[in-house]
Amino acid sequence: MKVTRPMLAVAGAAAALVLTGCGGSGKGAEAVPETATGSLEHLAAEVECTPDIQIDADEIRQAVCKDAKEAAGKFILATFATDRGQREWINGAKDYGGHYLVGRKWVAVGETGTMTALRKTLGGDLEDGTDHSAHTSHEPSGDGASHAGH
């Protein structure tokens, strides 16, 4: 049998999946539940918190939440009318750093440990904001080098 490039590509992809643990039995990896959906109140109830509504508009609803069991801690929970509105909000918020748990038309924002704990109940994908700690050096400020280009 002659080995062709497409066959090598498929074999390489399969090898990569085996090496990274994707497509396997999931041993050693903590299972993430199916991503939750619903209103802000429904999502808050899933993690047993009473949301303190901060923004109640047609395009976004946002609340400060602290779970009743204090297993996760304090976090921001927001729901969105559209996927596009959600992605625009996240992209803008990421400039301020932080850790995000993202579901369909909702996002939770808080400390890494809080987002990891919430993910066990709500599912979703973890995303990190921009880390600006590298920009804290004490460079002289009159040489034209600034953050204006960022």
N, C-alpha and C. Protein backbone atom coordinates (compact mmCIF):
# COMPACT_ATOMS: atom_id res chain seq x y z
N MET A 1 0.84 -1.17 0.00
CA MET A 1 0.00 0.00 0.00
C MET A 1 0.89 1.24 0.00
N LYS A 2 0.58 2.17 -0.85
CA LYS A 2 1.36 3.39 -0.97
C LYS A 2 0.83 4.43 0.03
N VAL A 3 1.73 5.06 0.78
CA VAL A 3 1.36 6.07 1.76
C VAL A 3 1.33 7.42 1.05
N THR A 4 0.20 8.11 1.13
CA THR A 4 0.06 9.42 0.48
C THR A 4 0.04 10.51 1.53
N ARG A 5 0.18 11.74 1.08
CA ARG A 5 0.15 12.87 2.02
C ARG A 5 -1.14 12.94 2.82
N PRO A 6 -2.31 12.78 2.18
CA PRO A 6 -3.54 12.81 2.98
C PRO A 6 -3.56 11.74 4.07
N MET A 7 -3.03 10.56 3.75
CA MET A 7 -3.01 9.50 4.75
C MET A 7 -2.06 9.86 5.89
N LEU A 8 -0.91 10.48 5.56
CA LEU A 8 0.01 10.93 6.60
C LEU A 8 -0.62 11.99 7.48
N ALA A 9 -1.38 12.89 6.87
CA ALA A 9 -2.05 13.96 7.64
C ALA A 9 -3.04 13.36 8.62
N VAL A 10 -3.83 12.40 8.18
CA VAL A 10 -4.81 11.76 9.05
C VAL A 10 -4.10 11.02 10.18
N ALA A 11 -3.03 10.30 9.84
CA ALA A 11 -2.27 9.56 10.86
C ALA A 11 -1.65 10.52 11.86
N GLY A 12 -1.13 11.65 11.37
CA GLY A 12 -0.54 12.65 12.26
C GLY A 12 -1.57 13.25 13.19
N ALA A 13 -2.75 13.54 12.66
CA ALA A 13 -3.81 14.11 13.49
C ALA A 13 -4.25 13.11 14.56
N ALA A 14 -4.36 11.84 14.18
CA ALA A 14 -4.74 10.81 15.15
C ALA A 14 -3.68 10.67 16.23
N ALA A 15 -2.42 10.72 15.84
CA ALA A 15 -1.34 10.64 16.83
C ALA A 15 -1.37 11.83 17.78
N ALA A 16 -1.64 13.00 17.24
CA ALA A 16 -1.71 14.19 18.09
C ALA A 16 -2.84 14.07 19.10
N LEU A 17 -3.98 13.54 18.67
CA LEU A 17 -5.10 13.35 19.60
C LEU A 17 -4.75 12.39 20.71
N VAL A 18 -4.07 11.31 20.37
CA VAL A 18 -3.68 10.33 21.38
C VAL A 18 -2.68 10.94 22.36
N LEU A 19 -1.71 11.69 21.84
CA LEU A 19 -0.70 12.27 22.71
C LEU A 19 -1.25 13.35 23.63
N THR A 20 -2.24 14.11 23.17
CA THR A 20 -2.80 15.17 23.99
C THR A 20 -3.94 14.68 24.87
N GLY A 21 -4.36 13.45 24.68
CA GLY A 21 -5.42 12.91 25.51
C GLY A 21 -6.80 13.17 24.97
N CYS A 22 -6.91 13.83 23.82
CA CYS A 22 -8.22 14.10 23.23
C CYS A 22 -8.75 12.83 22.59
N GLY A 23 -10.02 12.63 22.70
CA GLY A 23 -10.63 11.49 22.07
C GLY A 23 -10.45 10.21 22.86
N GLY A 24 -9.80 10.30 24.00
CA GLY A 24 -9.58 9.11 24.83
C GLY A 24 -10.70 8.92 25.81
N SER A 25 -10.42 8.13 26.83
CA SER A 25 -11.44 7.80 27.82
C SER A 25 -11.65 8.92 28.82
N GLY A 26 -10.76 9.93 28.81
CA GLY A 26 -10.93 11.04 29.72
C GLY A 26 -10.38 10.78 31.10
N LYS A 27 -9.65 9.68 31.28
CA LYS A 27 -9.09 9.37 32.59
C LYS A 27 -8.13 10.47 33.00
N GLY A 28 -8.21 10.90 34.22
CA GLY A 28 -7.33 11.94 34.74
C GLY A 28 -7.85 13.34 34.48
N ALA A 29 -8.77 13.50 33.58
CA ALA A 29 -9.33 14.82 33.30
C ALA A 29 -10.69 14.93 33.98
N GLU A 30 -10.92 16.06 34.60
CA GLU A 30 -12.19 16.26 35.28
C GLU A 30 -13.28 16.54 34.26
N ALA A 31 -14.38 15.85 34.36
CA ALA A 31 -15.48 16.01 33.42
C ALA A 31 -16.14 17.37 33.61
N VAL A 32 -16.44 18.01 32.50
CA VAL A 32 -17.13 19.29 32.51
C VAL A 32 -18.55 19.03 32.04
N PRO A 33 -19.55 19.49 32.79
CA PRO A 33 -20.93 19.24 32.37
C PRO A 33 -21.28 20.02 31.11
N GLU A 34 -22.38 19.63 30.50
CA GLU A 34 -22.89 20.36 29.35
C GLU A 34 -23.13 21.81 29.78
N THR A 35 -22.81 22.74 28.91
CA THR A 35 -22.93 24.16 29.25
C THR A 35 -24.37 24.54 29.54
N ALA A 36 -24.58 25.18 30.68
CA ALA A 36 -25.91 25.61 31.11
C ALA A 36 -26.43 26.73 30.20
N THR A 37 -27.73 26.85 30.15
CA THR A 37 -28.38 27.92 29.42
C THR A 37 -29.50 28.47 30.29
N GLY A 38 -29.99 29.65 29.93
CA GLY A 38 -31.13 30.20 30.65
C GLY A 38 -30.93 31.65 31.03
N SER A 39 -31.88 32.14 31.79
CA SER A 39 -31.86 33.53 32.23
C SER A 39 -30.80 33.73 33.31
N LEU A 40 -30.53 34.98 33.62
CA LEU A 40 -29.58 35.30 34.68
C LEU A 40 -30.02 34.65 35.99
N GLU A 41 -31.29 34.74 36.29
CA GLU A 41 -31.81 34.15 37.53
C GLU A 41 -31.68 32.63 37.53
N HIS A 42 -31.92 32.01 36.39
CA HIS A 42 -31.79 30.55 36.30
C HIS A 42 -30.34 30.12 36.51
N LEU A 43 -29.41 30.80 35.86
CA LEU A 43 -27.99 30.46 36.01
C LEU A 43 -27.54 30.68 37.45
N ALA A 44 -27.99 31.77 38.05
CA ALA A 44 -27.65 32.05 39.45
C ALA A 44 -28.19 30.96 40.37
N ALA A 45 -29.41 30.51 40.10
CA ALA A 45 -30.00 29.45 40.91
C ALA A 45 -29.21 28.15 40.78
N GLU A 46 -28.64 27.90 39.61
CA GLU A 46 -27.83 26.69 39.40
C GLU A 46 -26.64 26.64 40.36
N VAL A 47 -26.07 27.81 40.67
CA VAL A 47 -24.92 27.86 41.58
C VAL A 47 -25.33 28.35 42.96
N GLU A 48 -26.63 28.36 43.21
CA GLU A 48 -27.20 28.70 44.51
C GLU A 48 -26.77 30.06 45.02
N CYS A 49 -26.96 31.08 44.19
CA CYS A 49 -26.70 32.44 44.65
C CYS A 49 -27.90 33.32 44.34
N THR A 50 -28.02 34.40 45.09
CA THR A 50 -29.04 35.40 44.84
C THR A 50 -28.36 36.56 44.14
N PRO A 51 -28.69 36.80 42.87
CA PRO A 51 -28.01 37.85 42.12
C PRO A 51 -28.42 39.25 42.57
N ASP A 52 -27.44 40.13 42.73
CA ASP A 52 -27.67 41.54 43.01
C ASP A 52 -27.58 42.26 41.66
N ILE A 53 -28.73 42.49 41.04
CA ILE A 53 -28.78 43.05 39.68
C ILE A 53 -28.19 44.46 39.66
N GLN A 54 -27.21 44.66 38.77
CA GLN A 54 -26.56 45.95 38.59
C GLN A 54 -27.01 46.63 37.30
N ILE A 55 -27.21 45.83 36.24
CA ILE A 55 -27.67 46.35 34.94
C ILE A 55 -28.83 45.48 34.49
N ASP A 56 -29.94 46.12 34.14
CA ASP A 56 -31.11 45.40 33.66
C ASP A 56 -31.61 46.08 32.40
N ALA A 57 -30.93 45.79 31.28
CA ALA A 57 -31.27 46.41 30.01
C ALA A 57 -31.66 45.33 29.00
N ASP A 58 -32.20 45.73 27.86
CA ASP A 58 -32.62 44.76 26.85
C ASP A 58 -31.46 43.94 26.33
N GLU A 59 -30.29 44.56 26.13
CA GLU A 59 -29.16 43.86 25.51
C GLU A 59 -28.26 43.13 26.51
N ILE A 60 -28.27 43.55 27.79
CA ILE A 60 -27.43 42.90 28.80
C ILE A 60 -28.09 43.00 30.17
N ARG A 61 -27.97 41.92 30.92
CA ARG A 61 -28.36 41.92 32.33
C ARG A 61 -27.13 41.47 33.10
N GLN A 62 -26.78 42.22 34.12
CA GLN A 62 -25.54 41.94 34.86
C GLN A 62 -25.80 42.02 36.35
N ALA A 63 -25.20 41.08 37.09
CA ALA A 63 -25.39 41.04 38.54
C ALA A 63 -24.09 40.64 39.23
N VAL A 64 -23.98 41.06 40.49
CA VAL A 64 -22.92 40.58 41.37
C VAL A 64 -23.52 39.38 42.09
N CYS A 65 -22.74 38.33 42.18
CA CYS A 65 -23.25 37.09 42.76
C CYS A 65 -22.23 36.51 43.73
N LYS A 66 -22.71 35.97 44.82
CA LYS A 66 -21.88 35.22 45.76
C LYS A 66 -22.67 33.97 46.09
N ASP A 67 -22.07 32.81 45.82
CA ASP A 67 -22.83 31.59 46.01
C ASP A 67 -23.08 31.32 47.50
N ALA A 68 -24.21 30.70 47.77
CA ALA A 68 -24.65 30.45 49.15
C ALA A 68 -23.69 29.53 49.90
N LYS A 69 -23.08 28.59 49.20
CA LYS A 69 -22.17 27.64 49.85
C LYS A 69 -20.77 28.22 50.00
N GLU A 70 -20.54 29.37 49.40
CA GLU A 70 -19.23 30.03 49.38
C GLU A 70 -18.14 29.13 48.83
N ALA A 71 -18.54 28.15 48.01
CA ALA A 71 -17.56 27.26 47.38
C ALA A 71 -16.85 27.99 46.24
N ALA A 72 -17.57 28.85 45.56
CA ALA A 72 -16.99 29.54 44.41
C ALA A 72 -16.50 30.93 44.78
N GLY A 73 -17.22 31.65 45.59
CA GLY A 73 -16.84 33.02 45.93
C GLY A 73 -17.68 34.04 45.20
N LYS A 74 -17.21 35.27 45.18
CA LYS A 74 -17.93 36.39 44.56
C LYS A 74 -17.53 36.51 43.09
N PHE A 75 -18.52 36.80 42.24
CA PHE A 75 -18.26 36.93 40.81
C PHE A 75 -19.34 37.78 40.15
N ILE A 76 -19.06 38.18 38.91
CA ILE A 76 -20.03 38.91 38.09
C ILE A 76 -20.67 37.90 37.15
N LEU A 77 -21.97 37.97 36.99
CA LEU A 77 -22.69 37.11 36.06
C LEU A 77 -23.46 38.02 35.12
N ALA A 78 -23.30 37.81 33.83
CA ALA A 78 -24.00 38.63 32.84
C ALA A 78 -24.62 37.74 31.77
N THR A 79 -25.81 38.13 31.33
CA THR A 79 -26.47 37.45 30.22
C THR A 79 -26.69 38.48 29.11
N PHE A 80 -26.75 37.99 27.87
CA PHE A 80 -26.80 38.87 26.71
C PHE A 80 -27.95 38.47 25.78
N ALA A 81 -28.48 39.46 25.07
CA ALA A 81 -29.56 39.20 24.12
C ALA A 81 -29.05 38.51 22.87
N THR A 82 -27.79 38.79 22.48
CA THR A 82 -27.24 38.22 21.25
C THR A 82 -25.84 37.67 21.48
N ASP A 83 -25.45 36.71 20.64
CA ASP A 83 -24.09 36.18 20.68
C ASP A 83 -23.08 37.28 20.35
N ARG A 84 -23.41 38.11 19.38
CA ARG A 84 -22.50 39.20 18.97
C ARG A 84 -22.29 40.18 20.11
N GLY A 85 -23.36 40.56 20.79
CA GLY A 85 -23.25 41.46 21.93
C GLY A 85 -22.38 40.88 23.03
N GLN A 86 -22.52 39.58 23.26
CA GLN A 86 -21.70 38.90 24.26
C GLN A 86 -20.23 38.97 23.86
N ARG A 87 -19.90 38.61 22.61
CA ARG A 87 -18.51 38.58 22.19
C ARG A 87 -17.90 39.98 22.22
N GLU A 88 -18.65 41.01 21.84
CA GLU A 88 -18.14 42.38 21.89
C GLU A 88 -17.85 42.78 23.34
N TRP A 89 -18.74 42.42 24.26
CA TRP A 89 -18.55 42.73 25.67
C TRP A 89 -17.29 42.05 26.20
N ILE A 90 -17.15 40.74 25.90
CA ILE A 90 -15.98 39.99 26.38
C ILE A 90 -14.69 40.58 25.81
N ASN A 91 -14.68 40.85 24.51
CA ASN A 91 -13.47 41.40 23.89
C ASN A 91 -13.06 42.72 24.52
N GLY A 92 -14.03 43.57 24.85
CA GLY A 92 -13.73 44.83 25.52
C GLY A 92 -13.29 44.62 26.96
N ALA A 93 -13.93 43.70 27.65
CA ALA A 93 -13.61 43.45 29.06
C ALA A 93 -12.25 42.81 29.23
N LYS A 94 -11.84 41.99 28.29
CA LYS A 94 -10.56 41.28 28.40
C LYS A 94 -9.37 42.24 28.48
N ASP A 95 -9.52 43.44 27.96
CA ASP A 95 -8.45 44.44 28.05
C ASP A 95 -8.13 44.78 29.50
N TYR A 96 -9.07 44.53 30.40
CA TYR A 96 -8.89 44.84 31.82
C TYR A 96 -8.40 43.63 32.61
N GLY A 97 -8.06 42.55 31.92
CA GLY A 97 -7.59 41.34 32.59
C GLY A 97 -8.76 40.51 33.08
N GLY A 98 -8.51 39.67 34.05
CA GLY A 98 -9.57 38.86 34.64
C GLY A 98 -9.66 37.48 34.05
N HIS A 99 -10.59 36.72 34.60
CA HIS A 99 -10.81 35.33 34.20
C HIS A 99 -12.30 35.17 33.91
N TYR A 100 -12.61 34.51 32.81
CA TYR A 100 -13.97 34.45 32.29
C TYR A 100 -14.41 33.01 32.08
N LEU A 101 -15.63 32.72 32.50
CA LEU A 101 -16.28 31.46 32.18
C LEU A 101 -17.38 31.82 31.20
N VAL A 102 -17.31 31.25 30.00
CA VAL A 102 -18.18 31.68 28.91
C VAL A 102 -19.10 30.56 28.47
N GLY A 103 -20.40 30.87 28.45
CA GLY A 103 -21.41 29.96 27.93
C GLY A 103 -22.15 30.63 26.79
N ARG A 104 -23.22 30.04 26.32
CA ARG A 104 -24.00 30.62 25.23
C ARG A 104 -24.85 31.76 25.78
N LYS A 105 -24.50 32.97 25.40
CA LYS A 105 -25.19 34.21 25.80
C LYS A 105 -25.06 34.51 27.28
N TRP A 106 -24.03 33.98 27.95
CA TRP A 106 -23.76 34.35 29.33
C TRP A 106 -22.26 34.29 29.59
N VAL A 107 -21.83 35.03 30.61
CA VAL A 107 -20.44 35.01 31.03
C VAL A 107 -20.39 35.26 32.53
N ALA A 108 -19.46 34.59 33.19
CA ALA A 108 -19.16 34.84 34.60
C ALA A 108 -17.73 35.36 34.66
N VAL A 109 -17.46 36.32 35.53
CA VAL A 109 -16.14 36.93 35.64
C VAL A 109 -15.71 36.91 37.10
N GLY A 110 -14.49 36.44 37.35
CA GLY A 110 -13.98 36.41 38.71
C GLY A 110 -12.58 35.83 38.76
N GLU A 111 -12.16 35.43 39.94
CA GLU A 111 -10.85 34.85 40.15
C GLU A 111 -10.78 33.46 39.49
N THR A 112 -9.59 33.01 39.19
CA THR A 112 -9.39 31.71 38.54
C THR A 112 -10.08 30.59 39.30
N GLY A 113 -9.86 30.52 40.61
CA GLY A 113 -10.47 29.47 41.42
C GLY A 113 -11.99 29.52 41.40
N THR A 114 -12.53 30.72 41.39
CA THR A 114 -13.98 30.90 41.34
C THR A 114 -14.53 30.38 40.03
N MET A 115 -13.87 30.72 38.92
CA MET A 115 -14.34 30.28 37.61
C MET A 115 -14.21 28.76 37.46
N THR A 116 -13.16 28.18 38.00
CA THR A 116 -12.98 26.73 37.96
C THR A 116 -14.08 26.04 38.74
N ALA A 117 -14.43 26.58 39.90
CA ALA A 117 -15.50 26.00 40.72
C ALA A 117 -16.85 26.13 40.02
N LEU A 118 -17.13 27.28 39.42
CA LEU A 118 -18.41 27.48 38.72
C LEU A 118 -18.53 26.55 37.51
N ARG A 119 -17.41 26.31 36.85
CA ARG A 119 -17.42 25.46 35.66
C ARG A 119 -17.90 24.05 35.98
N LYS A 120 -17.69 23.58 37.20
CA LYS A 120 -18.14 22.24 37.61
C LYS A 120 -19.66 22.14 37.59
N THR A 121 -20.34 23.28 37.72
CA THR A 121 -21.80 23.29 37.71
C THR A 121 -22.36 23.80 36.39
N LEU A 122 -21.79 24.91 35.88
CA LEU A 122 -22.34 25.56 34.69
C LEU A 122 -21.74 25.10 33.38
N GLY A 123 -20.61 24.39 33.42
CA GLY A 123 -19.93 24.04 32.18
C GLY A 123 -19.32 25.30 31.59
N GLY A 124 -19.19 25.36 30.29
CA GLY A 124 -18.64 26.54 29.64
C GLY A 124 -17.16 26.43 29.38
N ASP A 125 -16.61 27.50 28.78
CA ASP A 125 -15.20 27.56 28.42
C ASP A 125 -14.50 28.63 29.23
N LEU A 126 -13.30 28.32 29.69
CA LEU A 126 -12.51 29.29 30.45
C LEU A 126 -11.68 30.14 29.49
N GLU A 127 -11.69 31.45 29.70
CA GLU A 127 -10.89 32.39 28.92
C GLU A 127 -10.22 33.35 29.89
N ASP A 128 -9.04 33.82 29.53
CA ASP A 128 -8.32 34.78 30.36
C ASP A 128 -8.23 36.11 29.65
N GLY A 129 -8.28 37.18 30.44
CA GLY A 129 -8.09 38.52 29.90
C GLY A 129 -6.62 38.80 29.67
N THR A 130 -6.33 39.98 29.19
CA THR A 130 -4.96 40.40 28.91
C THR A 130 -4.21 40.61 30.19
N ASP A 131 -3.00 40.07 30.26
CA ASP A 131 -2.12 40.25 31.41
C ASP A 131 -1.22 41.44 31.13
N HIS A 132 -1.44 42.52 31.86
CA HIS A 132 -0.66 43.75 31.66
C HIS A 132 0.53 43.84 32.59
N SER A 133 0.84 42.80 33.33
CA SER A 133 1.94 42.89 34.29
C SER A 133 3.28 43.13 33.61
N ALA A 134 3.44 42.73 32.37
CA ALA A 134 4.69 42.96 31.64
C ALA A 134 4.87 44.43 31.29
N HIS A 135 3.81 45.21 31.35
CA HIS A 135 3.86 46.62 31.00
C HIS A 135 4.13 47.52 32.20
N THR A 136 4.54 46.95 33.32
CA THR A 136 4.72 47.74 34.53
C THR A 136 6.17 48.13 34.76
N SER A 137 7.03 47.94 33.76
CA SER A 137 8.43 48.31 33.94
C SER A 137 8.56 49.82 34.09
N HIS A 138 9.64 50.25 34.67
CA HIS A 138 9.86 51.66 34.93
C HIS A 138 10.75 52.26 33.84
N GLU A 139 10.18 52.38 32.66
CA GLU A 139 10.92 52.94 31.54
C GLU A 139 10.89 54.46 31.64
N PRO A 140 11.94 55.12 31.20
CA PRO A 140 11.90 56.59 31.18
C PRO A 140 10.80 57.05 30.25
N SER A 141 10.14 58.11 30.62
CA SER A 141 8.99 58.53 29.84
C SER A 141 9.27 59.72 28.95
N GLY A 142 10.24 60.11 28.52
CA GLY A 142 10.34 61.23 27.61
C GLY A 142 11.02 60.85 26.33
N ASP A 143 11.21 59.55 26.09
CA ASP A 143 11.97 59.15 24.91
C ASP A 143 11.07 58.78 23.73
N GLY A 144 9.80 59.06 23.82
CA GLY A 144 8.91 58.76 22.73
C GLY A 144 8.35 57.36 22.80
N ALA A 145 8.90 56.50 23.64
CA ALA A 145 8.37 55.15 23.78
C ALA A 145 7.19 55.22 24.75
N SER A 146 6.04 54.86 24.26
CA SER A 146 4.86 54.90 25.12
C SER A 146 3.95 53.76 24.74
N HIS A 147 2.84 53.67 25.42
CA HIS A 147 1.85 52.65 25.13
C HIS A 147 0.85 53.12 24.10
N ALA A 148 1.12 54.25 23.45
CA ALA A 148 0.19 54.79 22.48
C ALA A 148 -0.02 53.84 21.31
N GLY A 149 0.98 53.03 21.02
CA GLY A 149 0.86 52.10 19.89
C GLY A 149 0.13 50.83 20.23
N HIS A 150 -0.26 50.64 21.49
CA HIS A 150 -0.93 49.40 21.90
C HIS A 150 -2.41 49.49 21.69
